[in-house]
Amino acid sequence: MVNILIIEDEGPVRELIKLKLKDRYEILEARDGLDAFDVLEHDHADLIIVDVNMPNMDGFEFVSELRSMGDDTPIIMLTAMDSFSYKKKGYNLGIDEYLTKPIDYEELSFHIEAILRRYKINTDKKIEIGNLTVSEDTMTVDHGDKKIDLTETEFKLLYKLLSYPGVIFTKQQLMDDIWGYDSETDYSTIKVYVNRLRNKLSDCDEFEIVSARGVGYKALIKAEQ
C-alpha cells in the first residue's frame, strides 16, 4: 500500500485527513517539519502532504531542506494561505501541487492519484503507451519495430507532454521548461517543434498533440491501449 505522510500541526485537521484517506493509503503523521524528518528516518513516504504555518519548522523550510538533500518525494502543499506569493514560493521550492483549505477531499484524492502516476513515470524514466515507448535514459522513441529519430529538444518536448497527458501547458511554461528562462526564442518556435513532432509521429495513433487555441498544447491519449 502507498505510504502518505501528513505534516500538520493541528491534530483535528490531521486526523480528519487521515480518516478520509486511510481506506486507500497507509498514513504516517507528523506535527511539523522536524517531526517529519524523525518519521522519515524510520519510514518511507511515497507522497507527502504538508501544511505551511507550523511551529519549529514550517512547510517551506521542510520542503527546502528535503529538496536540498536530493529527495524528490512528491509533495502536496495543503494550506489556508492562498496568496499567489505563497504558491509561487512553494512551486519554486519544488512542490508538485498547491491546494488551499477548506479541503475538498475528492479533489485531494484526484491530485494524489495523478501525482503518483506522474511520479512512477519519473522514477521509471520510461513512458509506454500501446506500441509507443519513450525512454528518458536513452532519449529514444520506439513505435513497434520502428525507431523514431528526434533531436534533444524535440524529445524533451514530447516527454514533457506525454508525462502529463491531458494537461494543457501554456506556451510560456513550455518555453521556460524546454528552452530555459533566459531563452531569446519566441512562441513561434514552439509551434515549429510541435509540427515537427506531429510529422515524425504521424504513424503513431496512440496519442495526438492538441492545440489549445491561444493558450498552449497538451498530449491527448486517444484510447486505453
C-alpha atoms as a PDB file:
ATOM      1  CA  MET A   1       0.000   0.000   0.000  1.00  0.00           C
ATOM      2  CA  VAL A   2       1.144   3.552  -0.745  1.00  0.00           C
ATOM      3  CA  ASN A   3       2.516   5.458   2.261  1.00  0.00           C
ATOM      4  CA  ILE A   4       1.399   9.069   2.644  1.00  0.00           C
ATOM      5  CA  LEU A   5       2.975  11.350   5.250  1.00  0.00           C
ATOM      6  CA  ILE A   6       0.687  14.081   6.594  1.00  0.00           C
ATOM      7  CA  ILE A   7       2.542  17.016   8.183  1.00  0.00           C
ATOM      8  CA  GLU A   8       0.017  19.161  10.039  1.00  0.00           C
ATOM      9  CA  ASP A   9       0.269  20.803  13.453  1.00  0.00           C
ATOM     10  CA  GLU A  10      -3.481  20.903  14.120  1.00  0.00           C
ATOM     11  CA  GLY A  11      -4.436  17.499  15.455  1.00  0.00           C
ATOM     12  CA  PRO A  12      -8.126  17.544  14.450  1.00  0.00           C
ATOM     13  CA  VAL A  13      -7.246  18.547  10.869  1.00  0.00           C
ATOM     14  CA  ARG A  14      -4.575  15.860  10.677  1.00  0.00           C
ATOM     15  CA  GLU A  15      -6.972  13.241  11.982  1.00  0.00           C
ATOM     16  CA  LEU A  16      -9.693  14.230   9.528  1.00  0.00           C
ATOM     17  CA  ILE A  17      -7.320  13.980   6.545  1.00  0.00           C
ATOM     18  CA  LYS A  18      -6.192  10.595   7.861  1.00  0.00           C
ATOM     19  CA  LEU A  19      -9.796   9.448   8.213  1.00  0.00           C
ATOM     20  CA  LYS A  20     -10.584  10.419   4.622  1.00  0.00           C
ATOM     21  CA  LEU A  21      -7.515   8.711   3.137  1.00  0.00           C
ATOM     22  CA  LYS A  22      -6.803   5.689   5.337  1.00  0.00           C
ATOM     23  CA  ASP A  23      -9.011   3.292   3.364  1.00  0.00           C
ATOM     24  CA  ARG A  24      -6.781   3.707   0.294  1.00  0.00           C
ATOM     25  CA  TYR A  25      -3.379   4.591   1.750  1.00  0.00           C
ATOM     26  CA  GLU A  26      -1.128   3.839   4.713  1.00  0.00           C
ATOM     27  CA  ILE A  27      -0.944   7.076   6.692  1.00  0.00           C
ATOM     28  CA  LEU A  28       2.101   8.435   8.519  1.00  0.00           C
ATOM     29  CA  GLU A  29       1.773  11.541  10.715  1.00  0.00           C
ATOM     30  CA  ALA A  30       3.972  14.415  11.840  1.00  0.00           C
ATOM     31  CA  ARG A  31       3.276  17.621  13.800  1.00  0.00           C
ATOM     32  CA  ASP A  32       5.804  19.809  11.990  1.00  0.00           C
ATOM     33  CA  GLY A  33       8.838  19.663   9.725  1.00  0.00           C
ATOM     34  CA  LEU A  34      11.256  18.498  12.401  1.00  0.00           C
ATOM     35  CA  ASP A  35       8.898  15.753  13.489  1.00  0.00           C
ATOM     36  CA  ALA A  36       8.516  14.750   9.839  1.00  0.00           C
ATOM     37  CA  PHE A  37      12.262  14.181   9.433  1.00  0.00           C
ATOM     38  CA  ASP A  38      12.177  11.957  12.514  1.00  0.00           C
ATOM     39  CA  VAL A  39       9.371   9.942  10.897  1.00  0.00           C
ATOM     40  CA  LEU A  40      11.266   9.685   7.600  1.00  0.00           C
ATOM     41  CA  GLU A  41      14.291   8.237   9.381  1.00  0.00           C
ATOM     42  CA  HIS A  42      12.246   5.122  10.048  1.00  0.00           C
ATOM     43  CA  ASP A  43       9.513   5.031   7.403  1.00  0.00           C
ATOM     44  CA  HIS A  44       9.364   5.578   3.657  1.00  0.00           C
ATOM     45  CA  ALA A  45       6.802   8.025   2.274  1.00  0.00           C
ATOM     46  CA  ASP A  46       5.586   7.747  -1.327  1.00  0.00           C
ATOM     47  CA  LEU A  47       3.909  11.156  -1.103  1.00  0.00           C
ATOM     48  CA  ILE A  48       3.895  13.989   1.430  1.00  0.00           C
ATOM     49  CA  ILE A  49       1.062  16.366   2.312  1.00  0.00           C
ATOM     50  CA  VAL A  50       2.397  19.383   4.202  1.00  0.00           C
ATOM     51  CA  ASP A  51       0.898  22.492   5.796  1.00  0.00           C
ATOM     52  CA  VAL A  52       2.721  25.859   5.693  1.00  0.00           C
ATOM     53  CA  ASN A  53       2.308  27.501   9.091  1.00  0.00           C
ATOM     54  CA  MET A  54       3.718  25.156  11.733  1.00  0.00           C
ATOM     55  CA  PRO A  55       5.998  25.555  14.768  1.00  0.00           C
ATOM     56  CA  ASN A  56       9.669  24.559  14.897  1.00  0.00           C
ATOM     57  CA  MET A  57       9.979  24.020  11.126  1.00  0.00           C
ATOM     58  CA  ASP A  58       7.284  25.310   8.779  1.00  0.00           C
ATOM     59  CA  GLY A  59       6.251  23.791   5.461  1.00  0.00           C
ATOM     60  CA  PHE A  60       8.525  25.930   3.315  1.00  0.00           C
ATOM     61  CA  GLU A  61      11.542  25.145   5.479  1.00  0.00           C
ATOM     62  CA  PHE A  62      10.718  21.444   5.366  1.00  0.00           C
ATOM     63  CA  VAL A  63      10.399  21.363   1.568  1.00  0.00           C
ATOM     64  CA  SER A  64      13.596  23.382   1.119  1.00  0.00           C
ATOM     65  CA  GLU A  65      15.552  21.051   3.398  1.00  0.00           C
ATOM     66  CA  LEU A  66      14.135  17.904   1.825  1.00  0.00           C
ATOM     67  CA  ARG A  67      14.896  19.025  -1.718  1.00  0.00           C
ATOM     68  CA  SER A  68      18.410  20.165  -0.743  1.00  0.00           C
ATOM     69  CA  MET A  69      19.045  16.576   0.323  1.00  0.00           C
ATOM     70  CA  GLY A  70      18.194  15.387  -3.182  1.00  0.00           C
ATOM     71  CA  ASP A  71      14.900  13.830  -2.092  1.00  0.00           C
ATOM     72  CA  ASP A  72      12.301  14.106  -4.868  1.00  0.00           C
ATOM     73  CA  THR A  73       9.354  12.563  -2.999  1.00  0.00           C
ATOM     74  CA  PRO A  74       6.170  14.149  -4.417  1.00  0.00           C
ATOM     75  CA  ILE A  75       4.762  16.909  -2.208  1.00  0.00           C
ATOM     76  CA  ILE A  76       1.294  18.448  -1.980  1.00  0.00           C
ATOM     77  CA  MET A  77       1.208  21.680  -0.017  1.00  0.00           C
ATOM     78  CA  LEU A  78      -2.192  21.930   1.678  1.00  0.00           C
ATOM     79  CA  THR A  79      -2.743  25.218   3.468  1.00  0.00           C
ATOM     80  CA  ALA A  80      -5.110  28.091   4.183  1.00  0.00           C
ATOM     81  CA  MET A  81      -2.569  30.516   2.694  1.00  0.00           C
ATOM     82  CA  ASP A  82      -3.969  31.196  -0.779  1.00  0.00           C
ATOM     83  CA  SER A  83      -1.953  34.198  -1.982  1.00  0.00           C
ATOM     84  CA  PHE A  84      -0.018  33.894  -5.231  1.00  0.00           C
ATOM     85  CA  SER A  85       3.253  34.734  -3.480  1.00  0.00           C
ATOM     86  CA  TYR A  86       2.871  31.666  -1.245  1.00  0.00           C
ATOM     87  CA  LYS A  87       2.014  29.440  -4.206  1.00  0.00           C
ATOM     88  CA  LYS A  88       4.957  30.784  -6.189  1.00  0.00           C
ATOM     89  CA  LYS A  89       7.328  30.156  -3.286  1.00  0.00           C
ATOM     90  CA  GLY A  90       6.051  26.607  -2.879  1.00  0.00           C
ATOM     91  CA  TYR A  91       6.455  25.724  -6.544  1.00  0.00           C
ATOM     92  CA  ASN A  92       9.878  27.362  -6.687  1.00  0.00           C
ATOM     93  CA  LEU A  93      10.975  25.173  -3.782  1.00  0.00           C
ATOM     94  CA  GLY A  94       9.890  22.068  -5.662  1.00  0.00           C
ATOM     95  CA  ILE A  95       6.388  21.075  -4.566  1.00  0.00           C
ATOM     96  CA  ASP A  96       4.171  19.184  -7.013  1.00  0.00           C
ATOM     97  CA  GLU A  97       0.815  20.728  -6.137  1.00  0.00           C
ATOM     98  CA  TYR A  98      -0.573  23.580  -4.011  1.00  0.00           C
ATOM     99  CA  LEU A  99      -4.098  23.166  -2.635  1.00  0.00           C
ATOM    100  CA  THR A 100      -5.947  25.505  -0.307  1.00  0.00           C
ATOM    101  CA  LYS A 101      -8.247  24.865   2.631  1.00  0.00           C
ATOM    102  CA  PRO A 102     -11.094  24.191   3.218  1.00  0.00           C
ATOM    103  CA  ILE A 103     -10.217  20.786   1.871  1.00  0.00           C
ATOM    104  CA  ASP A 104     -12.171  19.245  -0.983  1.00  0.00           C
ATOM    105  CA  TYR A 105     -11.312  15.594  -0.347  1.00  0.00           C
ATOM    106  CA  GLU A 106     -12.455  14.416  -3.766  1.00  0.00           C
ATOM    107  CA  GLU A 107     -10.094  16.930  -5.358  1.00  0.00           C
ATOM    108  CA  LEU A 108      -7.303  15.951  -2.967  1.00  0.00           C
ATOM    109  CA  SER A 109      -7.700  12.273  -3.885  1.00  0.00           C
ATOM    110  CA  PHE A 110      -7.667  13.169  -7.579  1.00  0.00           C
ATOM    111  CA  HIS A 111      -4.397  15.074  -7.205  1.00  0.00           C
ATOM    112  CA  ILE A 112      -2.821  12.304  -5.133  1.00  0.00           C
ATOM    113  CA  GLU A 113      -3.565   9.696  -7.796  1.00  0.00           C
ATOM    114  CA  ALA A 114      -2.421  11.968 -10.626  1.00  0.00           C
ATOM    115  CA  ILE A 115       0.849  12.802  -8.879  1.00  0.00           C
ATOM    116  CA  LEU A 116       1.569   9.161  -8.040  1.00  0.00           C
ATOM    117  CA  ARG A 117       1.071   8.247 -11.707  1.00  0.00           C
ATOM    118  CA  ARG A 118       3.439  11.000 -12.780  1.00  0.00           C
ATOM    119  CA  TYR A 119       5.978  10.033 -10.141  1.00  0.00           C
ATOM    120  CA  LYS A 120       6.036   6.457 -11.430  1.00  0.00           C
ATOM    121  CA  ILE A 121       6.849   7.826 -14.854  1.00  0.00           C
ATOM    122  CA  ASN A 122       9.646   9.946 -13.426  1.00  0.00           C
ATOM    123  CA  THR A 123      11.022   7.012 -11.446  1.00  0.00           C
ATOM    124  CA  ASP A 124      10.907   4.560 -14.326  1.00  0.00           C
ATOM    125  CA  LYS A 125      12.142   7.214 -16.760  1.00  0.00           C
ATOM    126  CA  LYS A 126      10.058   5.498 -19.403  1.00  0.00           C
ATOM    127  CA  ILE A 127       6.630   6.128 -20.889  1.00  0.00           C
ATOM    128  CA  GLU A 128       4.769   3.275 -22.538  1.00  0.00           C
ATOM    129  CA  ILE A 129       1.522   3.836 -24.416  1.00  0.00           C
ATOM    130  CA  GLY A 130       0.420   0.928 -26.555  1.00  0.00           C
ATOM    131  CA  ASN A 131       3.237   0.241 -29.027  1.00  0.00           C
ATOM    132  CA  LEU A 132       4.979   3.506 -28.201  1.00  0.00           C
ATOM    133  CA  THR A 133       7.954   3.540 -25.817  1.00  0.00           C
ATOM    134  CA  VAL A 134       9.681   6.772 -24.858  1.00  0.00           C
ATOM    135  CA  SER A 135      12.843   6.268 -22.782  1.00  0.00           C
ATOM    136  CA  GLU A 136      14.365   9.234 -20.960  1.00  0.00           C
ATOM    137  CA  ASP A 137      17.575   7.358 -20.078  1.00  0.00           C
ATOM    138  CA  THR A 138      18.489   6.715 -23.703  1.00  0.00           C
ATOM    139  CA  MET A 139      16.446   9.575 -25.199  1.00  0.00           C
ATOM    140  CA  THR A 140      14.958   7.148 -27.695  1.00  0.00           C
ATOM    141  CA  VAL A 141      11.472   6.729 -29.114  1.00  0.00           C
ATOM    142  CA  ASP A 142      10.292   3.369 -30.437  1.00  0.00           C
ATOM    143  CA  HIS A 143       6.971   2.691 -32.105  1.00  0.00           C
ATOM    144  CA  GLY A 144       6.661  -1.051 -32.584  1.00  0.00           C
ATOM    145  CA  ASP A 145       9.756  -2.110 -34.524  1.00  0.00           C
ATOM    146  CA  LYS A 146      10.380   1.417 -35.788  1.00  0.00           C
ATOM    147  CA  LYS A 147      12.831   3.802 -34.167  1.00  0.00           C
ATOM    148  CA  ILE A 148      11.906   7.469 -34.427  1.00  0.00           C
ATOM    149  CA  ASP A 149      14.808   9.896 -34.516  1.00  0.00           C
ATOM    150  CA  LEU A 150      14.250  13.084 -32.539  1.00  0.00           C
ATOM    151  CA  THR A 151      16.520  15.963 -31.673  1.00  0.00           C
ATOM    152  CA  GLU A 152      17.197  16.610 -27.991  1.00  0.00           C
ATOM    153  CA  THR A 153      14.719  19.500 -27.897  1.00  0.00           C
ATOM    154  CA  GLU A 154      12.058  17.521 -29.735  1.00  0.00           C
ATOM    155  CA  PHE A 155      12.497  14.665 -27.286  1.00  0.00           C
ATOM    156  CA  LYS A 156      12.238  16.947 -24.225  1.00  0.00           C
ATOM    157  CA  LEU A 157       9.043  18.496 -25.568  1.00  0.00           C
ATOM    158  CA  LEU A 158       7.483  15.121 -26.322  1.00  0.00           C
ATOM    159  CA  TYR A 159       8.469  13.667 -22.943  1.00  0.00           C
ATOM    160  CA  LYS A 160       7.070  16.693 -21.127  1.00  0.00           C
ATOM    161  CA  LEU A 161       3.696  16.475 -22.850  1.00  0.00           C
ATOM    162  CA  LEU A 162       3.357  12.688 -22.516  1.00  0.00           C
ATOM    163  CA  SER A 163       4.336  12.763 -18.833  1.00  0.00           C
ATOM    164  CA  TYR A 164       1.192  14.771 -18.101  1.00  0.00           C
ATOM    165  CA  PRO A 165      -1.469  13.559 -20.574  1.00  0.00           C
ATOM    166  CA  GLY A 166      -4.484  15.820 -20.762  1.00  0.00           C
ATOM    167  CA  VAL A 167      -2.702  18.716 -19.039  1.00  0.00           C
ATOM    168  CA  ILE A 168      -2.514  21.934 -21.041  1.00  0.00           C
ATOM    169  CA  PHE A 169       0.885  23.596 -20.896  1.00  0.00           C
ATOM    170  CA  THR A 170       0.939  27.256 -21.775  1.00  0.00           C
ATOM    171  CA  LYS A 171       3.410  28.448 -24.357  1.00  0.00           C
ATOM    172  CA  GLN A 172       5.303  30.286 -21.622  1.00  0.00           C
ATOM    173  CA  GLN A 173       5.522  27.174 -19.446  1.00  0.00           C
ATOM    174  CA  LEU A 174       6.912  25.161 -22.344  1.00  0.00           C
ATOM    175  CA  MET A 175       9.317  27.922 -23.266  1.00  0.00           C
ATOM    176  CA  ASP A 176      10.635  28.120 -19.696  1.00  0.00           C
ATOM    177  CA  ASP A 177      10.838  24.351 -19.162  1.00  0.00           C
ATOM    178  CA  ILE A 178      12.278  23.295 -22.511  1.00  0.00           C
ATOM    179  CA  TRP A 179      14.218  26.304 -23.764  1.00  0.00           C
ATOM    180  CA  GLY A 180      15.003  27.980 -20.424  1.00  0.00           C
ATOM    181  CA  TYR A 181      14.012  31.205 -18.721  1.00  0.00           C
ATOM    182  CA  ASP A 182      16.727  33.197 -20.481  1.00  0.00           C
ATOM    183  CA  SER A 183      15.937  31.965 -23.971  1.00  0.00           C
ATOM    184  CA  GLU A 184      15.580  34.629 -26.647  1.00  0.00           C
ATOM    185  CA  THR A 185      13.374  32.441 -28.843  1.00  0.00           C
ATOM    186  CA  ASP A 186       9.687  33.281 -29.206  1.00  0.00           C
ATOM    187  CA  TYR A 187       6.430  31.324 -29.125  1.00  0.00           C
ATOM    188  CA  SER A 188       6.582  30.586 -32.846  1.00  0.00           C
ATOM    189  CA  THR A 189       9.489  28.251 -32.084  1.00  0.00           C
ATOM    190  CA  ILE A 190       7.174  26.008 -30.041  1.00  0.00           C
ATOM    191  CA  LYS A 191       4.756  25.746 -32.966  1.00  0.00           C
ATOM    192  CA  VAL A 192       7.610  24.721 -35.250  1.00  0.00           C
ATOM    193  CA  TYR A 193       8.709  21.940 -32.878  1.00  0.00           C
ATOM    194  CA  VAL A 194       5.153  20.724 -32.301  1.00  0.00           C
ATOM    195  CA  ASN A 195       4.673  20.445 -36.058  1.00  0.00           C
ATOM    196  CA  ARG A 196       7.941  18.523 -36.339  1.00  0.00           C
ATOM    197  CA  LEU A 197       6.761  16.065 -33.681  1.00  0.00           C
ATOM    198  CA  ARG A 198       3.410  15.653 -35.401  1.00  0.00           C
ATOM    199  CA  ASN A 199       5.136  14.858 -38.676  1.00  0.00           C
ATOM    200  CA  LYS A 200       7.671  12.447 -37.202  1.00  0.00           C
ATOM    201  CA  LEU A 201       4.988  10.656 -35.161  1.00  0.00           C
ATOM    202  CA  SER A 202       2.278  10.735 -37.830  1.00  0.00           C
ATOM    203  CA  ASP A 203       2.031   6.922 -37.840  1.00  0.00           C
ATOM    204  CA  CYS A 204       1.581   6.790 -34.066  1.00  0.00           C
ATOM    205  CA  ASP A 205      -2.140   6.601 -33.341  1.00  0.00           C
ATOM    206  CA  GLU A 206      -1.817   6.142 -29.576  1.00  0.00           C
ATOM    207  CA  PHE A 207      -1.919   9.868 -28.901  1.00  0.00           C
ATOM    208  CA  GLU A 208      -2.018  13.266 -30.514  1.00  0.00           C
ATOM    209  CA  ILE A 209      -0.669  16.687 -29.634  1.00  0.00           C
ATOM    210  CA  VAL A 210      -3.629  19.036 -29.407  1.00  0.00           C
ATOM    211  CA  SER A 211      -3.525  22.815 -29.641  1.00  0.00           C
ATOM    212  CA  ALA A 212      -5.458  24.815 -27.059  1.00  0.00           C
ATOM    213  CA  ARG A 213      -6.216  27.914 -29.086  1.00  0.00           C
ATOM    214  CA  GLY A 214      -4.382  30.936 -27.750  1.00  0.00           C
ATOM    215  CA  VAL A 215      -3.110  29.029 -24.713  1.00  0.00           C
ATOM    216  CA  GLY A 216      -0.721  26.172 -25.453  1.00  0.00           C
ATOM    217  CA  TYR A 217      -0.611  22.419 -26.074  1.00  0.00           C
ATOM    218  CA  LYS A 218      -1.438  19.089 -24.499  1.00  0.00           C
ATOM    219  CA  ALA A 219      -0.939  15.410 -25.309  1.00  0.00           C
ATOM    220  CA  LEU A 220      -4.238  13.577 -25.644  1.00  0.00           C
ATOM    221  CA  ILE A 221      -4.270   9.805 -25.279  1.00  0.00           C
ATOM    222  CA  LYS A 222      -6.742   8.613 -27.892  1.00  0.00           C
ATOM    223  CA  ALA A 223      -7.800   5.378 -26.209  1.00  0.00           C
ATOM    224  CA  GLU A 224      -6.766   2.971 -23.491  1.00  0.00           C
ATOM    225  CA  GLN A 225      -4.147   0.713 -25.019  1.00  0.00           C
END
